[in-house]
Amino acid sequence: MSSSLSSLENAAKYLSPEDKAQFLKIRREMEKAGASRKSIEERLHAFIWDIIESDDEDEDDEGAE
């Protein structure tokens, strides 16, 4: 297993239970489909960044109230 995928798995420990389940589902589906390790890493990286950006937007919305 590559260090990048390991790093993503470590980051997934800090996700909400729902997000972590989605992370694992994406990984399993891509592995089952025979995707390359690089494409799996890219997809999971994008997924985590989407969550981070979404959380940042939520905090910005709360601060504007």
C-alpha atoms as a PDB file:
ATOM      1  CA  MET A   1       0.000   0.000   0.000  1.00  0.00           C
ATOM      2  CA  SER A   2       1.345   3.388  -0.906  1.00  0.00           C
ATOM      3  CA  SER A   3       2.110   6.013   1.683  1.00  0.00           C
ATOM      4  CA  SER A   4      -0.364   8.410   0.052  1.00  0.00           C
ATOM      5  CA  LEU A   5      -3.238   5.960   0.456  1.00  0.00           C
ATOM      6  CA  SER A   6      -2.133   5.305   4.036  1.00  0.00           C
ATOM      7  CA  SER A   7      -2.163   9.042   4.715  1.00  0.00           C
ATOM      8  CA  LEU A   8      -5.675   9.311   3.313  1.00  0.00           C
ATOM      9  CA  GLU A   9      -6.799   6.433   5.528  1.00  0.00           C
ATOM     10  CA  ASN A  10      -5.291   8.183   8.540  1.00  0.00           C
ATOM     11  CA  ALA A  11      -7.143  11.384   7.617  1.00  0.00           C
ATOM     12  CA  ALA A  12     -10.375   9.388   7.293  1.00  0.00           C
ATOM     13  CA  LYS A  13     -10.193   8.601  11.013  1.00  0.00           C
ATOM     14  CA  TYR A  14     -11.246  12.207  11.671  1.00  0.00           C
ATOM     15  CA  LEU A  15     -14.304  12.129   9.404  1.00  0.00           C
ATOM     16  CA  SER A  16     -17.843  11.873  10.693  1.00  0.00           C
ATOM     17  CA  PRO A  17     -19.203   8.298  10.739  1.00  0.00           C
ATOM     18  CA  GLU A  18     -21.290   9.041   7.633  1.00  0.00           C
ATOM     19  CA  ASP A  19     -18.357  10.540   5.729  1.00  0.00           C
ATOM     20  CA  LYS A  20     -16.060   7.714   6.797  1.00  0.00           C
ATOM     21  CA  ALA A  21     -18.587   5.162   5.537  1.00  0.00           C
ATOM     22  CA  GLN A  22     -18.753   7.002   2.207  1.00  0.00           C
ATOM     23  CA  PHE A  23     -14.926   7.113   2.041  1.00  0.00           C
ATOM     24  CA  LEU A  24     -14.735   3.342   2.545  1.00  0.00           C
ATOM     25  CA  LYS A  25     -17.545   2.735   0.046  1.00  0.00           C
ATOM     26  CA  ILE A  26     -15.750   4.765  -2.630  1.00  0.00           C
ATOM     27  CA  ARG A  27     -12.529   2.880  -1.977  1.00  0.00           C
ATOM     28  CA  ARG A  28     -14.177  -0.565  -2.092  1.00  0.00           C
ATOM     29  CA  GLU A  29     -16.107   0.217  -5.270  1.00  0.00           C
ATOM     30  CA  MET A  30     -13.044   1.545  -7.047  1.00  0.00           C
ATOM     31  CA  GLU A  31     -10.932  -1.447  -5.969  1.00  0.00           C
ATOM     32  CA  LYS A  32     -13.667  -3.821  -7.125  1.00  0.00           C
ATOM     33  CA  ALA A  33     -13.798  -2.021 -10.486  1.00  0.00           C
ATOM     34  CA  GLY A  34     -10.047  -2.512 -10.893  1.00  0.00           C
ATOM     35  CA  ALA A  35      -9.108   1.156 -10.698  1.00  0.00           C
ATOM     36  CA  SER A  36      -5.441   1.997 -10.383  1.00  0.00           C
ATOM     37  CA  ARG A  37      -4.066   2.916  -6.990  1.00  0.00           C
ATOM     38  CA  LYS A  38      -3.326   6.406  -8.274  1.00  0.00           C
ATOM     39  CA  SER A  39      -6.900   7.008  -9.412  1.00  0.00           C
ATOM     40  CA  ILE A  40      -8.239   5.686  -6.088  1.00  0.00           C
ATOM     41  CA  GLU A  41      -5.914   8.062  -4.217  1.00  0.00           C
ATOM     42  CA  GLU A  42      -6.975  10.993  -6.402  1.00  0.00           C
ATOM     43  CA  ARG A  43     -10.682  10.268  -5.886  1.00  0.00           C
ATOM     44  CA  LEU A  44     -10.354   9.846  -2.109  1.00  0.00           C
ATOM     45  CA  HIS A  45      -8.206  12.983  -1.871  1.00  0.00           C
ATOM     46  CA  ALA A  46     -10.868  14.951  -3.751  1.00  0.00           C
ATOM     47  CA  PHE A  47     -13.573  13.500  -1.492  1.00  0.00           C
ATOM     48  CA  ILE A  48     -11.766  14.602   1.681  1.00  0.00           C
ATOM     49  CA  TRP A  49     -11.134  18.085   0.251  1.00  0.00           C
ATOM     50  CA  ASP A  50     -14.821  18.401  -0.663  1.00  0.00           C
ATOM     51  CA  ILE A  51     -15.679  17.700   2.975  1.00  0.00           C
ATOM     52  CA  ILE A  52     -13.107  20.211   4.246  1.00  0.00           C
ATOM     53  CA  GLU A  53     -14.354  22.901   1.875  1.00  0.00           C
ATOM     54  CA  SER A  54     -17.963  22.162   2.814  1.00  0.00           C
ATOM     55  CA  ASP A  55     -17.118  22.469   6.515  1.00  0.00           C
ATOM     56  CA  ASP A  56     -15.338  25.781   5.849  1.00  0.00           C
ATOM     57  CA  GLU A  57     -18.422  27.107   4.042  1.00  0.00           C
ATOM     58  CA  ASP A  58     -20.625  26.043   6.961  1.00  0.00           C
ATOM     59  CA  GLU A  59     -18.375  27.939   9.394  1.00  0.00           C
ATOM     60  CA  ASP A  60     -18.413  31.006   7.136  1.00  0.00           C
ATOM     61  CA  ASP A  61     -22.220  30.899   7.028  1.00  0.00           C
ATOM     62  CA  GLU A  62     -22.422  30.668  10.817  1.00  0.00           C
ATOM     63  CA  GLY A  63     -20.069  33.620  11.235  1.00  0.00           C
ATOM     64  CA  ALA A  64     -22.176  35.807   8.948  1.00  0.00           C
ATOM     65  CA  GLU A  65     -25.281  35.422  11.100  1.00  0.00           C
END
